[in-house]
Amino acid sequence: INTVQNFKIAGIKRGMLNVLAEHKIPKKLQGKLINLCFDNILSGDETLAIKVFSLQCIANITKEHPELIPELKAAIEDQLPKTTVGFHARARVVMKELGRQK
């Protein structure tokens, strides 16, 4: 997780986040990943794929930490007017997942 934030090449960062989105993250690393992913989502410089995989990483962690749901929803709502249709599509999926967790 420490190395992901240091990658300057979007393709490598995207690939690493994709892997992280598919695996259960140990509790001791979840905080760093959450911070990294929120930074990615709210950044105007990150690619769509990096934002989408970051959304999924946080959504996965909310299953263990539901207190993150309001913050993730707020980040999604903040980004909707600024992003593409691809982000909107993944945001709808994530919002449905979050709604089912309540």
PDB file of N, CA and C in Angstrom:
ATOM      1  N   ILE A   1       0.834  -1.191   0.000  1.00  0.00           N
ATOM      2  CA  ILE A   1       0.000   0.000   0.000  1.00  0.00           C
ATOM      3  C   ILE A   1       0.876   1.250   0.000  1.00  0.00           C
ATOM      4  N   ASN A   2       1.972   1.206   0.731  1.00  0.00           N
ATOM      5  CA  ASN A   2       2.879   2.358   0.731  1.00  0.00           C
ATOM      6  C   ASN A   2       3.431   2.627  -0.658  1.00  0.00           C
ATOM      7  N   THR A   3       3.703   1.577  -1.410  1.00  0.00           N
ATOM      8  CA  THR A   3       4.289   1.769  -2.734  1.00  0.00           C
ATOM      9  C   THR A   3       3.273   2.255  -3.755  1.00  0.00           C
ATOM     10  N   VAL A   4       2.000   1.938  -3.574  1.00  0.00           N
ATOM     11  CA  VAL A   4       0.982   2.345  -4.549  1.00  0.00           C
ATOM     12  C   VAL A   4       0.953   3.857  -4.685  1.00  0.00           C
ATOM     13  N   GLN A   5       1.008   4.573  -3.579  1.00  0.00           N
ATOM     14  CA  GLN A   5       0.923   6.024  -3.654  1.00  0.00           C
ATOM     15  C   GLN A   5       2.165   6.651  -4.278  1.00  0.00           C
ATOM     16  N   ASN A   6       3.260   5.914  -4.348  1.00  0.00           N
ATOM     17  CA  ASN A   6       4.485   6.446  -4.943  1.00  0.00           C
ATOM     18  C   ASN A   6       4.566   6.238  -6.447  1.00  0.00           C
ATOM     19  N   PHE A   7       3.718   5.367  -6.998  1.00  0.00           N
ATOM     20  CA  PHE A   7       3.751   5.124  -8.440  1.00  0.00           C
ATOM     21  C   PHE A   7       3.269   6.357  -9.191  1.00  0.00           C
ATOM     22  N   LYS A   8       4.016   6.740 -10.195  1.00  0.00           N
ATOM     23  CA  LYS A   8       3.638   7.878 -11.034  1.00  0.00           C
ATOM     24  C   LYS A   8       2.931   7.418 -12.305  1.00  0.00           C
ATOM     25  N   ILE A   9       3.133   6.167 -12.686  1.00  0.00           N
ATOM     26  CA  ILE A   9       2.517   5.631 -13.897  1.00  0.00           C
ATOM     27  C   ILE A   9       1.119   5.134 -13.537  1.00  0.00           C
ATOM     28  N   ALA A  10       0.110   5.724 -14.181  1.00  0.00           N
ATOM     29  CA  ALA A  10      -1.285   5.420 -13.845  1.00  0.00           C
ATOM     30  C   ALA A  10      -1.615   3.943 -14.033  1.00  0.00           C
ATOM     31  N   GLY A  11      -1.057   3.312 -15.046  1.00  0.00           N
ATOM     32  CA  GLY A  11      -1.354   1.903 -15.306  1.00  0.00           C
ATOM     33  C   GLY A  11      -0.909   0.989 -14.175  1.00  0.00           C
ATOM     34  N   ILE A  12       0.220   1.274 -13.595  1.00  0.00           N
ATOM     35  CA  ILE A  12       0.716   0.458 -12.478  1.00  0.00           C
ATOM     36  C   ILE A  12      -0.153   0.692 -11.247  1.00  0.00           C
ATOM     37  N   LYS A  13      -0.460   1.952 -10.981  1.00  0.00           N
ATOM     38  CA  LYS A  13      -1.312   2.286  -9.835  1.00  0.00           C
ATOM     39  C   LYS A  13      -2.686   1.624  -9.992  1.00  0.00           C
ATOM     40  N   ARG A  14      -3.234   1.696 -11.203  1.00  0.00           N
ATOM     41  CA  ARG A  14      -4.534   1.086 -11.495  1.00  0.00           C
ATOM     42  C   ARG A  14      -4.497  -0.413 -11.249  1.00  0.00           C
ATOM     43  N   GLY A  15      -3.460  -1.070 -11.730  1.00  0.00           N
ATOM     44  CA  GLY A  15      -3.328  -2.512 -11.548  1.00  0.00           C
ATOM     45  C   GLY A  15      -3.224  -2.907 -10.088  1.00  0.00           C
ATOM     46  N   MET A  16      -2.452  -2.154  -9.330  1.00  0.00           N
ATOM     47  CA  MET A  16      -2.307  -2.448  -7.900  1.00  0.00           C
ATOM     48  C   MET A  16      -3.626  -2.249  -7.157  1.00  0.00           C
ATOM     49  N   LEU A  17      -4.346  -1.181  -7.484  1.00  0.00           N
ATOM     50  CA  LEU A  17      -5.637  -0.943  -6.829  1.00  0.00           C
ATOM     51  C   LEU A  17      -6.656  -2.008  -7.215  1.00  0.00           C
ATOM     52  N   ASN A  18      -6.583  -2.481  -8.443  1.00  0.00           N
ATOM     53  CA  ASN A  18      -7.461  -3.568  -8.882  1.00  0.00           C
ATOM     54  C   ASN A  18      -7.215  -4.812  -8.033  1.00  0.00           C
ATOM     55  N   VAL A  19      -5.967  -5.141  -7.814  1.00  0.00           N
ATOM     56  CA  VAL A  19      -5.621  -6.301  -6.975  1.00  0.00           C
ATOM     57  C   VAL A  19      -6.116  -6.080  -5.550  1.00  0.00           C
ATOM     58  N   LEU A  20      -5.892  -4.890  -5.014  1.00  0.00           N
ATOM     59  CA  LEU A  20      -6.328  -4.596  -3.645  1.00  0.00           C
ATOM     60  C   LEU A  20      -7.853  -4.648  -3.519  1.00  0.00           C
ATOM     61  N   ALA A  21      -8.560  -4.249  -4.578  1.00  0.00           N
ATOM     62  CA  ALA A  21     -10.030  -4.278  -4.549  1.00  0.00           C
ATOM     63  C   ALA A  21     -10.563  -5.705  -4.539  1.00  0.00           C
ATOM     64  N   GLU A  22      -9.758  -6.652  -4.992  1.00  0.00           N
ATOM     65  CA  GLU A  22     -10.197  -8.047  -5.083  1.00  0.00           C
ATOM     66  C   GLU A  22      -9.821  -8.882  -3.866  1.00  0.00           C
ATOM     67  N   HIS A  23      -9.072  -8.319  -2.946  1.00  0.00           N
ATOM     68  CA  HIS A  23      -8.589  -9.094  -1.800  1.00  0.00           C
ATOM     69  C   HIS A  23      -8.989  -8.448  -0.476  1.00  0.00           C
ATOM     70  N   LYS A  24      -9.069  -9.279   0.539  1.00  0.00           N
ATOM     71  CA  LYS A  24      -9.337  -8.786   1.897  1.00  0.00           C
ATOM     72  C   LYS A  24      -8.050  -8.150   2.422  1.00  0.00           C
ATOM     73  N   ILE A  25      -8.177  -6.954   2.929  1.00  0.00           N
ATOM     74  CA  ILE A  25      -7.024  -6.191   3.401  1.00  0.00           C
ATOM     75  C   ILE A  25      -6.888  -6.377   4.912  1.00  0.00           C
ATOM     76  N   PRO A  26      -5.682  -6.709   5.393  1.00  0.00           N
ATOM     77  CA  PRO A  26      -5.479  -6.846   6.842  1.00  0.00           C
ATOM     78  C   PRO A  26      -5.821  -5.542   7.570  1.00  0.00           C
ATOM     79  N   LYS A  27      -6.365  -5.675   8.765  1.00  0.00           N
ATOM     80  CA  LYS A  27      -6.801  -4.509   9.543  1.00  0.00           C
ATOM     81  C   LYS A  27      -5.698  -3.470   9.720  1.00  0.00           C
ATOM     82  N   LYS A  28      -4.463  -3.922   9.913  1.00  0.00           N
ATOM     83  CA  LYS A  28      -3.382  -2.966  10.176  1.00  0.00           C
ATOM     84  C   LYS A  28      -3.053  -2.095   8.960  1.00  0.00           C
ATOM     85  N   LEU A  29      -3.487  -2.506   7.763  1.00  0.00           N
ATOM     86  CA  LEU A  29      -3.220  -1.734   6.548  1.00  0.00           C
ATOM     87  C   LEU A  29      -4.445  -0.972   6.046  1.00  0.00           C
ATOM     88  N   GLN A  30      -5.599  -1.239   6.633  1.00  0.00           N
ATOM     89  CA  GLN A  30      -6.831  -0.635   6.134  1.00  0.00           C
ATOM     90  C   GLN A  30      -6.822   0.887   6.232  1.00  0.00           C
ATOM     91  N   GLY A  31      -6.294   1.437   7.307  1.00  0.00           N
ATOM     92  CA  GLY A  31      -6.266   2.892   7.472  1.00  0.00           C
ATOM     93  C   GLY A  31      -5.500   3.585   6.364  1.00  0.00           C
ATOM     94  N   LYS A  32      -4.327   3.057   6.043  1.00  0.00           N
ATOM     95  CA  LYS A  32      -3.516   3.640   4.964  1.00  0.00           C
ATOM     96  C   LYS A  32      -4.237   3.538   3.627  1.00  0.00           C
ATOM     97  N   LEU A  33      -4.862   2.383   3.384  1.00  0.00           N
ATOM     98  CA  LEU A  33      -5.569   2.196   2.117  1.00  0.00           C
ATOM     99  C   LEU A  33      -6.767   3.138   2.023  1.00  0.00           C
ATOM    100  N   ILE A  34      -7.491   3.292   3.107  1.00  0.00           N
ATOM    101  CA  ILE A  34      -8.647   4.190   3.107  1.00  0.00           C
ATOM    102  C   ILE A  34      -8.205   5.614   2.779  1.00  0.00           C
ATOM    103  N   ASN A  35      -7.157   6.088   3.423  1.00  0.00           N
ATOM    104  CA  ASN A  35      -6.658   7.447   3.152  1.00  0.00           C
ATOM    105  C   ASN A  35      -6.222   7.597   1.702  1.00  0.00           C
ATOM    106  N   LEU A  36      -5.481   6.623   1.202  1.00  0.00           N
ATOM    107  CA  LEU A  36      -5.021   6.657  -0.186  1.00  0.00           C
ATOM    108  C   LEU A  36      -6.206   6.701  -1.141  1.00  0.00           C
ATOM    109  N   CYS A  37      -7.193   5.853  -0.889  1.00  0.00           N
ATOM    110  CA  CYS A  37      -8.335   5.766  -1.797  1.00  0.00           C
ATOM    111  C   CYS A  37      -9.187   7.032  -1.770  1.00  0.00           C
ATOM    112  N   PHE A  38      -9.417   7.599  -0.594  1.00  0.00           N
ATOM    113  CA  PHE A  38     -10.165   8.863  -0.545  1.00  0.00           C
ATOM    114  C   PHE A  38      -9.399   9.961  -1.275  1.00  0.00           C
ATOM    115  N   ASP A  39      -8.084  10.005  -1.111  1.00  0.00           N
ATOM    116  CA  ASP A  39      -7.276  10.984  -1.849  1.00  0.00           C
ATOM    117  C   ASP A  39      -7.436  10.787  -3.354  1.00  0.00           C
ATOM    118  N   ASN A  40      -7.432   9.531  -3.799  1.00  0.00           N
ATOM    119  CA  ASN A  40      -7.593   9.238  -5.225  1.00  0.00           C
ATOM    120  C   ASN A  40      -8.963   9.670  -5.737  1.00  0.00           C
ATOM    121  N   ILE A  41      -9.999   9.357  -4.969  1.00  0.00           N
ATOM    122  CA  ILE A  41     -11.362   9.685  -5.393  1.00  0.00           C
ATOM    123  C   ILE A  41     -11.543  11.195  -5.520  1.00  0.00           C
ATOM    124  N   LEU A  42     -11.016  11.933  -4.573  1.00  0.00           N
ATOM    125  CA  LEU A  42     -11.232  13.383  -4.539  1.00  0.00           C
ATOM    126  C   LEU A  42     -10.248  14.166  -5.398  1.00  0.00           C
ATOM    127  N   SER A  43      -9.235  13.488  -5.917  1.00  0.00           N
ATOM    128  CA  SER A  43      -8.227  14.155  -6.740  1.00  0.00           C
ATOM    129  C   SER A  43      -8.775  14.449  -8.136  1.00  0.00           C
ATOM    130  N   GLY A  44      -8.456  15.616  -8.626  1.00  0.00           N
ATOM    131  CA  GLY A  44      -8.823  15.948  -9.996  1.00  0.00           C
ATOM    132  C   GLY A  44      -7.844  15.395 -11.011  1.00  0.00           C
ATOM    133  N   ASP A  45      -6.731  14.856 -10.538  1.00  0.00           N
ATOM    134  CA  ASP A  45      -5.673  14.393 -11.432  1.00  0.00           C
ATOM    135  C   ASP A  45      -5.702  12.899 -11.725  1.00  0.00           C
ATOM    136  N   GLU A  46      -6.464  12.128 -10.962  1.00  0.00           N
ATOM    137  CA  GLU A  46      -6.448  10.672 -11.141  1.00  0.00           C
ATOM    138  C   GLU A  46      -7.369  10.240 -12.278  1.00  0.00           C
ATOM    139  N   THR A  47      -7.030   9.114 -12.881  1.00  0.00           N
ATOM    140  CA  THR A  47      -7.833   8.578 -13.978  1.00  0.00           C
ATOM    141  C   THR A  47      -9.120   7.952 -13.444  1.00  0.00           C
ATOM    142  N   LEU A  48     -10.046   7.733 -14.354  1.00  0.00           N
ATOM    143  CA  LEU A  48     -11.319   7.114 -13.998  1.00  0.00           C
ATOM    144  C   LEU A  48     -11.109   5.758 -13.337  1.00  0.00           C
ATOM    145  N   ALA A  49     -10.269   4.921 -13.912  1.00  0.00           N
ATOM    146  CA  ALA A  49     -10.057   3.569 -13.381  1.00  0.00           C
ATOM    147  C   ALA A  49      -9.495   3.610 -11.962  1.00  0.00           C
ATOM    148  N   ILE A  50      -8.586   4.512 -11.697  1.00  0.00           N
ATOM    149  CA  ILE A  50      -8.015   4.629 -10.350  1.00  0.00           C
ATOM    150  C   ILE A  50      -9.100   5.046  -9.360  1.00  0.00           C
ATOM    151  N   LYS A  51      -9.958   5.975  -9.765  1.00  0.00           N
ATOM    152  CA  LYS A  51     -11.055   6.396  -8.895  1.00  0.00           C
ATOM    153  C   LYS A  51     -12.026   5.245  -8.640  1.00  0.00           C
ATOM    154  N   VAL A  52     -12.348   4.498  -9.692  1.00  0.00           N
ATOM    155  CA  VAL A  52     -13.306   3.389  -9.575  1.00  0.00           C
ATOM    156  C   VAL A  52     -12.762   2.287  -8.671  1.00  0.00           C
ATOM    157  N   PHE A  53     -11.524   1.895  -8.850  1.00  0.00           N
ATOM    158  CA  PHE A  53     -10.948   0.856  -7.993  1.00  0.00           C
ATOM    159  C   PHE A  53     -10.807   1.362  -6.554  1.00  0.00           C
ATOM    160  N   SER A  54     -10.550   2.642  -6.389  1.00  0.00           N
ATOM    161  CA  SER A  54     -10.488   3.220  -5.046  1.00  0.00           C
ATOM    162  C   SER A  54     -11.858   3.166  -4.373  1.00  0.00           C
ATOM    163  N   LEU A  55     -12.907   3.472  -5.143  1.00  0.00           N
ATOM    164  CA  LEU A  55     -14.276   3.350  -4.614  1.00  0.00           C
ATOM    165  C   LEU A  55     -14.531   1.938  -4.114  1.00  0.00           C
ATOM    166  N   GLN A  56     -14.154   0.961  -4.937  1.00  0.00           N
ATOM    167  CA  GLN A  56     -14.420  -0.431  -4.576  1.00  0.00           C
ATOM    168  C   GLN A  56     -13.618  -0.863  -3.357  1.00  0.00           C
ATOM    169  N   CYS A  57     -12.382  -0.419  -3.255  1.00  0.00           N
ATOM    170  CA  CYS A  57     -11.568  -0.756  -2.074  1.00  0.00           C
ATOM    171  C   CYS A  57     -12.242  -0.271  -0.800  1.00  0.00           C
ATOM    172  N   ILE A  58     -12.700   0.982  -0.813  1.00  0.00           N
ATOM    173  CA  ILE A  58     -13.347   1.514   0.388  1.00  0.00           C
ATOM    174  C   ILE A  58     -14.675   0.810   0.633  1.00  0.00           C
ATOM    175  N   ALA A  59     -15.442   0.564  -0.416  1.00  0.00           N
ATOM    176  CA  ALA A  59     -16.727  -0.133  -0.257  1.00  0.00           C
ATOM    177  C   ALA A  59     -16.521  -1.496   0.390  1.00  0.00           C
ATOM    178  N   ASN A  60     -15.470  -2.189   0.004  1.00  0.00           N
ATOM    179  CA  ASN A  60     -15.183  -3.496   0.602  1.00  0.00           C
ATOM    180  C   ASN A  60     -14.878  -3.366   2.095  1.00  0.00           C
ATOM    181  N   ILE A  61     -14.145  -2.339   2.462  1.00  0.00           N
ATOM    182  CA  ILE A  61     -13.766  -2.145   3.863  1.00  0.00           C
ATOM    183  C   ILE A  61     -14.975  -1.734   4.709  1.00  0.00           C
ATOM    184  N   THR A  62     -15.975  -1.085   4.093  1.00  0.00           N
ATOM    185  CA  THR A  62     -17.152  -0.671   4.873  1.00  0.00           C
ATOM    186  C   THR A  62     -17.928  -1.865   5.422  1.00  0.00           C
ATOM    187  N   LYS A  63     -17.702  -3.039   4.881  1.00  0.00           N
ATOM    188  CA  LYS A  63     -18.369  -4.231   5.420  1.00  0.00           C
ATOM    189  C   LYS A  63     -17.903  -4.500   6.846  1.00  0.00           C
ATOM    190  N   GLU A  64     -16.650  -4.177   7.136  1.00  0.00           N
ATOM    191  CA  GLU A  64     -16.107  -4.318   8.492  1.00  0.00           C
ATOM    192  C   GLU A  64     -16.227  -3.023   9.291  1.00  0.00           C
ATOM    193  N   HIS A  65     -16.294  -1.906   8.592  1.00  0.00           N
ATOM    194  CA  HIS A  65     -16.330  -0.589   9.239  1.00  0.00           C
ATOM    195  C   HIS A  65     -17.467   0.250   8.649  1.00  0.00           C
ATOM    196  N   PRO A  66     -18.715  -0.057   9.012  1.00  0.00           N
ATOM    197  CA  PRO A  66     -19.848   0.667   8.432  1.00  0.00           C
ATOM    198  C   PRO A  66     -19.862   2.163   8.758  1.00  0.00           C
ATOM    199  N   GLU A  67     -19.078   2.578   9.729  1.00  0.00           N
ATOM    200  CA  GLU A  67     -19.019   4.003  10.053  1.00  0.00           C
ATOM    201  C   GLU A  67     -18.415   4.830   8.917  1.00  0.00           C
ATOM    202  N   LEU A  68     -17.789   4.169   7.939  1.00  0.00           N
ATOM    203  CA  LEU A  68     -17.218   4.863   6.780  1.00  0.00           C
ATOM    204  C   LEU A  68     -18.254   5.151   5.694  1.00  0.00           C
ATOM    205  N   ILE A  69     -19.416   4.535   5.797  1.00  0.00           N
ATOM    206  CA  ILE A  69     -20.426   4.668   4.737  1.00  0.00           C
ATOM    207  C   ILE A  69     -20.814   6.128   4.481  1.00  0.00           C
ATOM    208  N   PRO A  70     -21.141   6.926   5.499  1.00  0.00           N
ATOM    209  CA  PRO A  70     -21.512   8.325   5.211  1.00  0.00           C
ATOM    210  C   PRO A  70     -20.396   9.115   4.522  1.00  0.00           C
ATOM    211  N   GLU A  71     -19.164   8.872   4.926  1.00  0.00           N
ATOM    212  CA  GLU A  71     -18.033   9.582   4.310  1.00  0.00           C
ATOM    213  C   GLU A  71     -17.856   9.169   2.847  1.00  0.00           C
ATOM    214  N   LEU A  72     -18.015   7.884   2.570  1.00  0.00           N
ATOM    215  CA  LEU A  72     -17.890   7.411   1.187  1.00  0.00           C
ATOM    216  C   LEU A  72     -19.021   7.967   0.333  1.00  0.00           C
ATOM    217  N   LYS A  73     -20.236   7.958   0.857  1.00  0.00           N
ATOM    218  CA  LYS A  73     -21.368   8.523   0.110  1.00  0.00           C
ATOM    219  C   LYS A  73     -21.134  10.001  -0.186  1.00  0.00           C
ATOM    220  N   ALA A  74     -20.621  10.732   0.788  1.00  0.00           N
ATOM    221  CA  ALA A  74     -20.343  12.162   0.591  1.00  0.00           C
ATOM    222  C   ALA A  74     -19.284  12.372  -0.491  1.00  0.00           C
ATOM    223  N   ALA A  75     -18.262  11.529  -0.498  1.00  0.00           N
ATOM    224  CA  ALA A  75     -17.209  11.635  -1.523  1.00  0.00           C
ATOM    225  C   ALA A  75     -17.782  11.347  -2.909  1.00  0.00           C
ATOM    226  N   ILE A  76     -18.637  10.344  -2.997  1.00  0.00           N
ATOM    227  CA  ILE A  76     -19.263  10.011  -4.283  1.00  0.00           C
ATOM    228  C   ILE A  76     -20.113  11.185  -4.759  1.00  0.00           C
ATOM    229  N   GLU A  77     -20.949  11.711  -3.880  1.00  0.00           N
ATOM    230  CA  GLU A  77     -21.822  12.826  -4.253  1.00  0.00           C
ATOM    231  C   GLU A  77     -21.020  14.058  -4.652  1.00  0.00           C
ATOM    232  N   ASP A  78     -19.887  14.279  -3.996  1.00  0.00           N
ATOM    233  CA  ASP A  78     -19.020  15.398  -4.343  1.00  0.00           C
ATOM    234  C   ASP A  78     -18.460  15.253  -5.756  1.00  0.00           C
ATOM    235  N   GLN A  79     -18.150  14.030  -6.143  1.00  0.00           N
ATOM    236  CA  GLN A  79     -17.497  13.794  -7.428  1.00  0.00           C
ATOM    237  C   GLN A  79     -18.456  13.657  -8.605  1.00  0.00           C
ATOM    238  N   LEU A  80     -19.716  13.350  -8.366  1.00  0.00           N
ATOM    239  CA  LEU A  80     -20.655  13.111  -9.469  1.00  0.00           C
ATOM    240  C   LEU A  80     -20.703  14.239 -10.494  1.00  0.00           C
ATOM    241  N   PRO A  81     -20.785  15.509 -10.085  1.00  0.00           N
ATOM    242  CA  PRO A  81     -20.838  16.563 -11.101  1.00  0.00           C
ATOM    243  C   PRO A  81     -19.515  16.775 -11.844  1.00  0.00           C
ATOM    244  N   LYS A  82     -18.438  16.223 -11.321  1.00  0.00           N
ATOM    245  CA  LYS A  82     -17.103  16.488 -11.873  1.00  0.00           C
ATOM    246  C   LYS A  82     -16.555  15.342 -12.716  1.00  0.00           C
ATOM    247  N   THR A  83     -17.260  14.220 -12.762  1.00  0.00           N
ATOM    248  CA  THR A  83     -16.681  13.021 -13.371  1.00  0.00           C
ATOM    249  C   THR A  83     -17.498  12.528 -14.556  1.00  0.00           C
ATOM    250  N   THR A  84     -17.035  11.419 -15.108  1.00  0.00           N
ATOM    251  CA  THR A  84     -17.606  10.874 -16.335  1.00  0.00           C
ATOM    252  C   THR A  84     -18.722   9.873 -16.060  1.00  0.00           C
ATOM    253  N   VAL A  85     -19.331   9.422 -17.135  1.00  0.00           N
ATOM    254  CA  VAL A  85     -20.394   8.424 -17.063  1.00  0.00           C
ATOM    255  C   VAL A  85     -19.872   7.128 -16.446  1.00  0.00           C
ATOM    256  N   GLY A  86     -18.638   6.778 -16.704  1.00  0.00           N
ATOM    257  CA  GLY A  86     -18.051   5.567 -16.130  1.00  0.00           C
ATOM    258  C   GLY A  86     -18.009   5.621 -14.611  1.00  0.00           C
ATOM    259  N   PHE A  87     -17.667   6.768 -14.076  1.00  0.00           N
ATOM    260  CA  PHE A  87     -17.665   6.936 -12.618  1.00  0.00           C
ATOM    261  C   PHE A  87     -19.087   6.826 -12.090  1.00  0.00           C
ATOM    262  N   HIS A  88     -20.028   7.436 -12.786  1.00  0.00           N
ATOM    263  CA  HIS A  88     -21.430   7.388 -12.363  1.00  0.00           C
ATOM    264  C   HIS A  88     -21.922   5.946 -12.304  1.00  0.00           C
ATOM    265  N   ALA A  89     -21.555   5.145 -13.286  1.00  0.00           N
ATOM    266  CA  ALA A  89     -21.990   3.745 -13.322  1.00  0.00           C
ATOM    267  C   ALA A  89     -21.460   2.978 -12.112  1.00  0.00           C
ATOM    268  N   ARG A  90     -20.185   3.115 -11.822  1.00  0.00           N
ATOM    269  CA  ARG A  90     -19.613   2.405 -10.675  1.00  0.00           C
ATOM    270  C   ARG A  90     -20.162   2.973  -9.370  1.00  0.00           C
ATOM    271  N   ALA A  91     -20.377   4.274  -9.327  1.00  0.00           N
ATOM    272  CA  ALA A  91     -20.928   4.897  -8.122  1.00  0.00           C
ATOM    273  C   ALA A  91     -22.315   4.335  -7.811  1.00  0.00           C
ATOM    274  N   ARG A  92     -23.137   4.112  -8.845  1.00  0.00           N
ATOM    275  CA  ARG A  92     -24.464   3.512  -8.626  1.00  0.00           C
ATOM    276  C   ARG A  92     -24.340   2.126  -8.014  1.00  0.00           C
ATOM    277  N   VAL A  93     -23.422   1.320  -8.529  1.00  0.00           N
ATOM    278  CA  VAL A  93     -23.210  -0.034  -8.003  1.00  0.00           C
ATOM    279  C   VAL A  93     -22.767   0.033  -6.543  1.00  0.00           C
ATOM    280  N   VAL A  94     -21.813   0.893  -6.253  1.00  0.00           N
ATOM    281  CA  VAL A  94     -21.297   1.018  -4.886  1.00  0.00           C
ATOM    282  C   VAL A  94     -22.390   1.532  -3.949  1.00  0.00           C
ATOM    283  N   MET A  95     -23.174   2.502  -4.396  1.00  0.00           N
ATOM    284  CA  MET A  95     -24.251   3.029  -3.547  1.00  0.00           C
ATOM    285  C   MET A  95     -25.281   1.943  -3.232  1.00  0.00           C
ATOM    286  N   LYS A  96     -25.576   1.078  -4.197  1.00  0.00           N
ATOM    287  CA  LYS A  96     -26.488  -0.043  -3.935  1.00  0.00           C
ATOM    288  C   LYS A  96     -25.897  -0.974  -2.887  1.00  0.00           C
ATOM    289  N   GLU A  97     -24.603  -1.284  -3.027  1.00  0.00           N
ATOM    290  CA  GLU A  97     -23.923  -2.134  -2.037  1.00  0.00           C
ATOM    291  C   GLU A  97     -24.015  -1.514  -0.646  1.00  0.00           C
ATOM    292  N   LEU A  98     -23.772  -0.229  -0.567  1.00  0.00           N
ATOM    293  CA  LEU A  98     -23.796   0.462   0.723  1.00  0.00           C
ATOM    294  C   LEU A  98     -25.202   0.461   1.312  1.00  0.00           C
ATOM    295  N   GLY A  99     -26.204   0.603   0.463  1.00  0.00           N
ATOM    296  CA  GLY A  99     -27.587   0.587   0.922  1.00  0.00           C
ATOM    297  C   GLY A  99     -27.999  -0.752   1.498  1.00  0.00           C
ATOM    298  N   ARG A 100     -27.442  -1.825   0.968  1.00  0.00           N
ATOM    299  CA  ARG A 100     -27.761  -3.175   1.454  1.00  0.00           C
ATOM    300  C   ARG A 100     -27.094  -3.485   2.785  1.00  0.00           C
ATOM    301  N   GLN A 101     -26.068  -2.736   3.144  1.00  0.00           N
ATOM    302  CA  GLN A 101     -25.326  -3.023   4.377  1.00  0.00           C
ATOM    303  C   GLN A 101     -26.026  -2.511   5.624  1.00  0.00           C
ATOM    304  N   LYS A 102     -26.996  -1.640   5.469  1.00  0.00           N
ATOM    305  CA  LYS A 102     -27.632  -1.027   6.649  1.00  0.00           C
ATOM    306  C   LYS A 102     -28.436  -1.991   7.429  1.00  0.00           C
TER     307      LYS A 102
END
